[in-house]
Amino acid sequence: MKLNPFAVMRKSPDGSGTLFDPSSNKALKLNVTGVILWEAVANGANEAEVTEMLLKKFPGLTPEQAKSDANYFIGQLEKKSLLQR
C-alpha cells in the first residue's frame, strides 16, 4: 500500500484524528482505533497486519469480521485518495 504523500494527520487530545489531503481537499474523521490503524499503515503495515491488530485490540471479534473491517477501513482511505493498494 502506498500512502498519499500529501496526506496530513491531525490528532485530537481525545485520541481521535482527522486525515486531510490538501491536494484534493478531502478529509476523513478517524476514531481512536482509526488513528492507530492509520499510524500502522503509515509505518508499513499491510492488510493482514491491520486485521491482526484489530483481532488483538478487540478479542471478541471474529477473524472474518476483522478482515472485513480492515478492508472497509482501507477502502475508505482509498475512496478519499489517502492511499493506493
C-alpha atoms as a PDB file:
ATOM      1  CA  MET A   1       0.000   0.000   0.000  1.00  0.00           C
ATOM      2  CA  LYS A   2       1.210   3.460  -0.831  1.00  0.00           C
ATOM      3  CA  LEU A   3       0.165   6.495   1.197  1.00  0.00           C
ATOM      4  CA  ASN A   4      -0.754   9.750  -0.441  1.00  0.00           C
ATOM      5  CA  PRO A   5       2.373  11.872   0.186  1.00  0.00           C
ATOM      6  CA  PHE A   6       0.250  14.980   0.750  1.00  0.00           C
ATOM      7  CA  ALA A   7      -1.965  13.406   3.446  1.00  0.00           C
ATOM      8  CA  VAL A   8      -1.736  15.057   6.833  1.00  0.00           C
ATOM      9  CA  MET A   9      -2.923  13.545  10.125  1.00  0.00           C
ATOM     10  CA  ARG A  10      -4.034  15.799  12.951  1.00  0.00           C
ATOM     11  CA  LYS A  11      -4.633  14.076  16.268  1.00  0.00           C
ATOM     12  CA  SER A  12      -7.100  15.454  18.779  1.00  0.00           C
ATOM     13  CA  PRO A  13      -6.457  15.385  22.530  1.00  0.00           C
ATOM     14  CA  ASP A  14      -9.030  12.565  22.885  1.00  0.00           C
ATOM     15  CA  GLY A  15      -7.006  10.314  20.544  1.00  0.00           C
ATOM     16  CA  SER A  16      -9.264  10.670  17.520  1.00  0.00           C
ATOM     17  CA  GLY A  17      -7.993  12.442  14.445  1.00  0.00           C
ATOM     18  CA  THR A  18      -8.587  13.849  11.010  1.00  0.00           C
ATOM     19  CA  LEU A  19      -6.790  12.890   7.826  1.00  0.00           C
ATOM     20  CA  PHE A  20      -6.674  15.614   5.226  1.00  0.00           C
ATOM     21  CA  ASP A  21      -5.386  15.743   1.675  1.00  0.00           C
ATOM     22  CA  PRO A  22      -4.844  19.381   0.690  1.00  0.00           C
ATOM     23  CA  SER A  23      -4.296  18.425  -2.951  1.00  0.00           C
ATOM     24  CA  SER A  24      -7.851  17.036  -3.271  1.00  0.00           C
ATOM     25  CA  ASN A  25      -9.487  18.896  -0.383  1.00  0.00           C
ATOM     26  CA  LYS A  26     -10.770  15.556   1.016  1.00  0.00           C
ATOM     27  CA  ALA A  27     -10.845  14.706   4.705  1.00  0.00           C
ATOM     28  CA  LEU A  28     -11.670  11.667   6.791  1.00  0.00           C
ATOM     29  CA  LYS A  29     -12.505  11.764  10.507  1.00  0.00           C
ATOM     30  CA  LEU A  30     -10.979   8.860  12.451  1.00  0.00           C
ATOM     31  CA  ASN A  31     -11.863   7.444  15.835  1.00  0.00           C
ATOM     32  CA  VAL A  32      -9.108   6.282  18.206  1.00  0.00           C
ATOM     33  CA  THR A  33      -8.888   2.875  16.528  1.00  0.00           C
ATOM     34  CA  GLY A  34      -8.730   4.509  13.092  1.00  0.00           C
ATOM     35  CA  VAL A  35      -5.803   6.644  14.226  1.00  0.00           C
ATOM     36  CA  ILE A  36      -3.963   3.549  15.490  1.00  0.00           C
ATOM     37  CA  LEU A  37      -4.609   1.743  12.204  1.00  0.00           C
ATOM     38  CA  TRP A  38      -3.578   4.765  10.114  1.00  0.00           C
ATOM     39  CA  GLU A  39      -0.314   5.009  12.039  1.00  0.00           C
ATOM     40  CA  ALA A  40       0.277   1.291  11.454  1.00  0.00           C
ATOM     41  CA  VAL A  41      -0.344   1.670   7.709  1.00  0.00           C
ATOM     42  CA  ALA A  42       1.908   4.745   7.667  1.00  0.00           C
ATOM     43  CA  ASN A  43       4.621   2.569   9.207  1.00  0.00           C
ATOM     44  CA  GLY A  44       4.247  -0.104   6.531  1.00  0.00           C
ATOM     45  CA  ALA A  45       1.540  -2.439   7.868  1.00  0.00           C
ATOM     46  CA  ASN A  46      -0.298  -4.426   5.206  1.00  0.00           C
ATOM     47  CA  GLU A  47      -3.941  -5.541   5.222  1.00  0.00           C
ATOM     48  CA  ALA A  48      -3.165  -8.781   7.063  1.00  0.00           C
ATOM     49  CA  GLU A  49      -1.301  -6.874   9.766  1.00  0.00           C
ATOM     50  CA  VAL A  50      -4.155  -4.389  10.141  1.00  0.00           C
ATOM     51  CA  THR A  51      -6.538  -7.349  10.517  1.00  0.00           C
ATOM     52  CA  GLU A  52      -4.270  -8.861  13.171  1.00  0.00           C
ATOM     53  CA  MET A  53      -4.169  -5.549  15.058  1.00  0.00           C
ATOM     54  CA  LEU A  54      -7.967  -5.465  15.137  1.00  0.00           C
ATOM     55  CA  LEU A  55      -8.110  -9.030  16.462  1.00  0.00           C
ATOM     56  CA  LYS A  56      -5.696  -8.154  19.274  1.00  0.00           C
ATOM     57  CA  LYS A  57      -7.489  -4.921  20.169  1.00  0.00           C
ATOM     58  CA  PHE A  58     -10.969  -6.479  20.119  1.00  0.00           C
ATOM     59  CA  PRO A  59     -10.759 -10.075  21.436  1.00  0.00           C
ATOM     60  CA  GLY A  60     -14.451 -10.814  20.723  1.00  0.00           C
ATOM     61  CA  LEU A  61     -14.059 -10.001  17.030  1.00  0.00           C
ATOM     62  CA  THR A  62     -14.106 -12.929  14.608  1.00  0.00           C
ATOM     63  CA  PRO A  63     -11.292 -13.195  12.054  1.00  0.00           C
ATOM     64  CA  GLU A  64     -13.854 -12.731   9.277  1.00  0.00           C
ATOM     65  CA  GLN A  65     -15.224  -9.524  10.820  1.00  0.00           C
ATOM     66  CA  ALA A  66     -11.709  -8.198  11.490  1.00  0.00           C
ATOM     67  CA  LYS A  67     -10.768  -8.802   7.860  1.00  0.00           C
ATOM     68  CA  SER A  68     -13.968  -7.137   6.671  1.00  0.00           C
ATOM     69  CA  ASP A  69     -13.369  -4.147   8.968  1.00  0.00           C
ATOM     70  CA  ALA A  70      -9.741  -3.833   7.825  1.00  0.00           C
ATOM     71  CA  ASN A  71     -10.817  -3.934   4.176  1.00  0.00           C
ATOM     72  CA  TYR A  72     -13.526  -1.346   4.859  1.00  0.00           C
ATOM     73  CA  PHE A  73     -11.068   0.985   6.601  1.00  0.00           C
ATOM     74  CA  ILE A  74      -8.523   0.679   3.801  1.00  0.00           C
ATOM     75  CA  GLY A  75     -11.311   1.117   1.241  1.00  0.00           C
ATOM     76  CA  GLN A  76     -12.351   4.379   2.891  1.00  0.00           C
ATOM     77  CA  LEU A  77      -8.748   5.593   2.709  1.00  0.00           C
ATOM     78  CA  GLU A  78      -8.687   4.726  -0.990  1.00  0.00           C
ATOM     79  CA  LYS A  79     -12.038   6.420  -1.602  1.00  0.00           C
ATOM     80  CA  LYS A  80     -10.669   9.646  -0.131  1.00  0.00           C
ATOM     81  CA  SER A  81      -7.429   9.267  -2.177  1.00  0.00           C
ATOM     82  CA  LEU A  82      -5.401   8.905   1.018  1.00  0.00           C
ATOM     83  CA  LEU A  83      -3.802   5.634  -0.056  1.00  0.00           C
ATOM     84  CA  GLN A  84      -3.424   3.296  -3.013  1.00  0.00           C
ATOM     85  CA  ARG A  85      -3.236  -0.504  -2.891  1.00  0.00           C
END
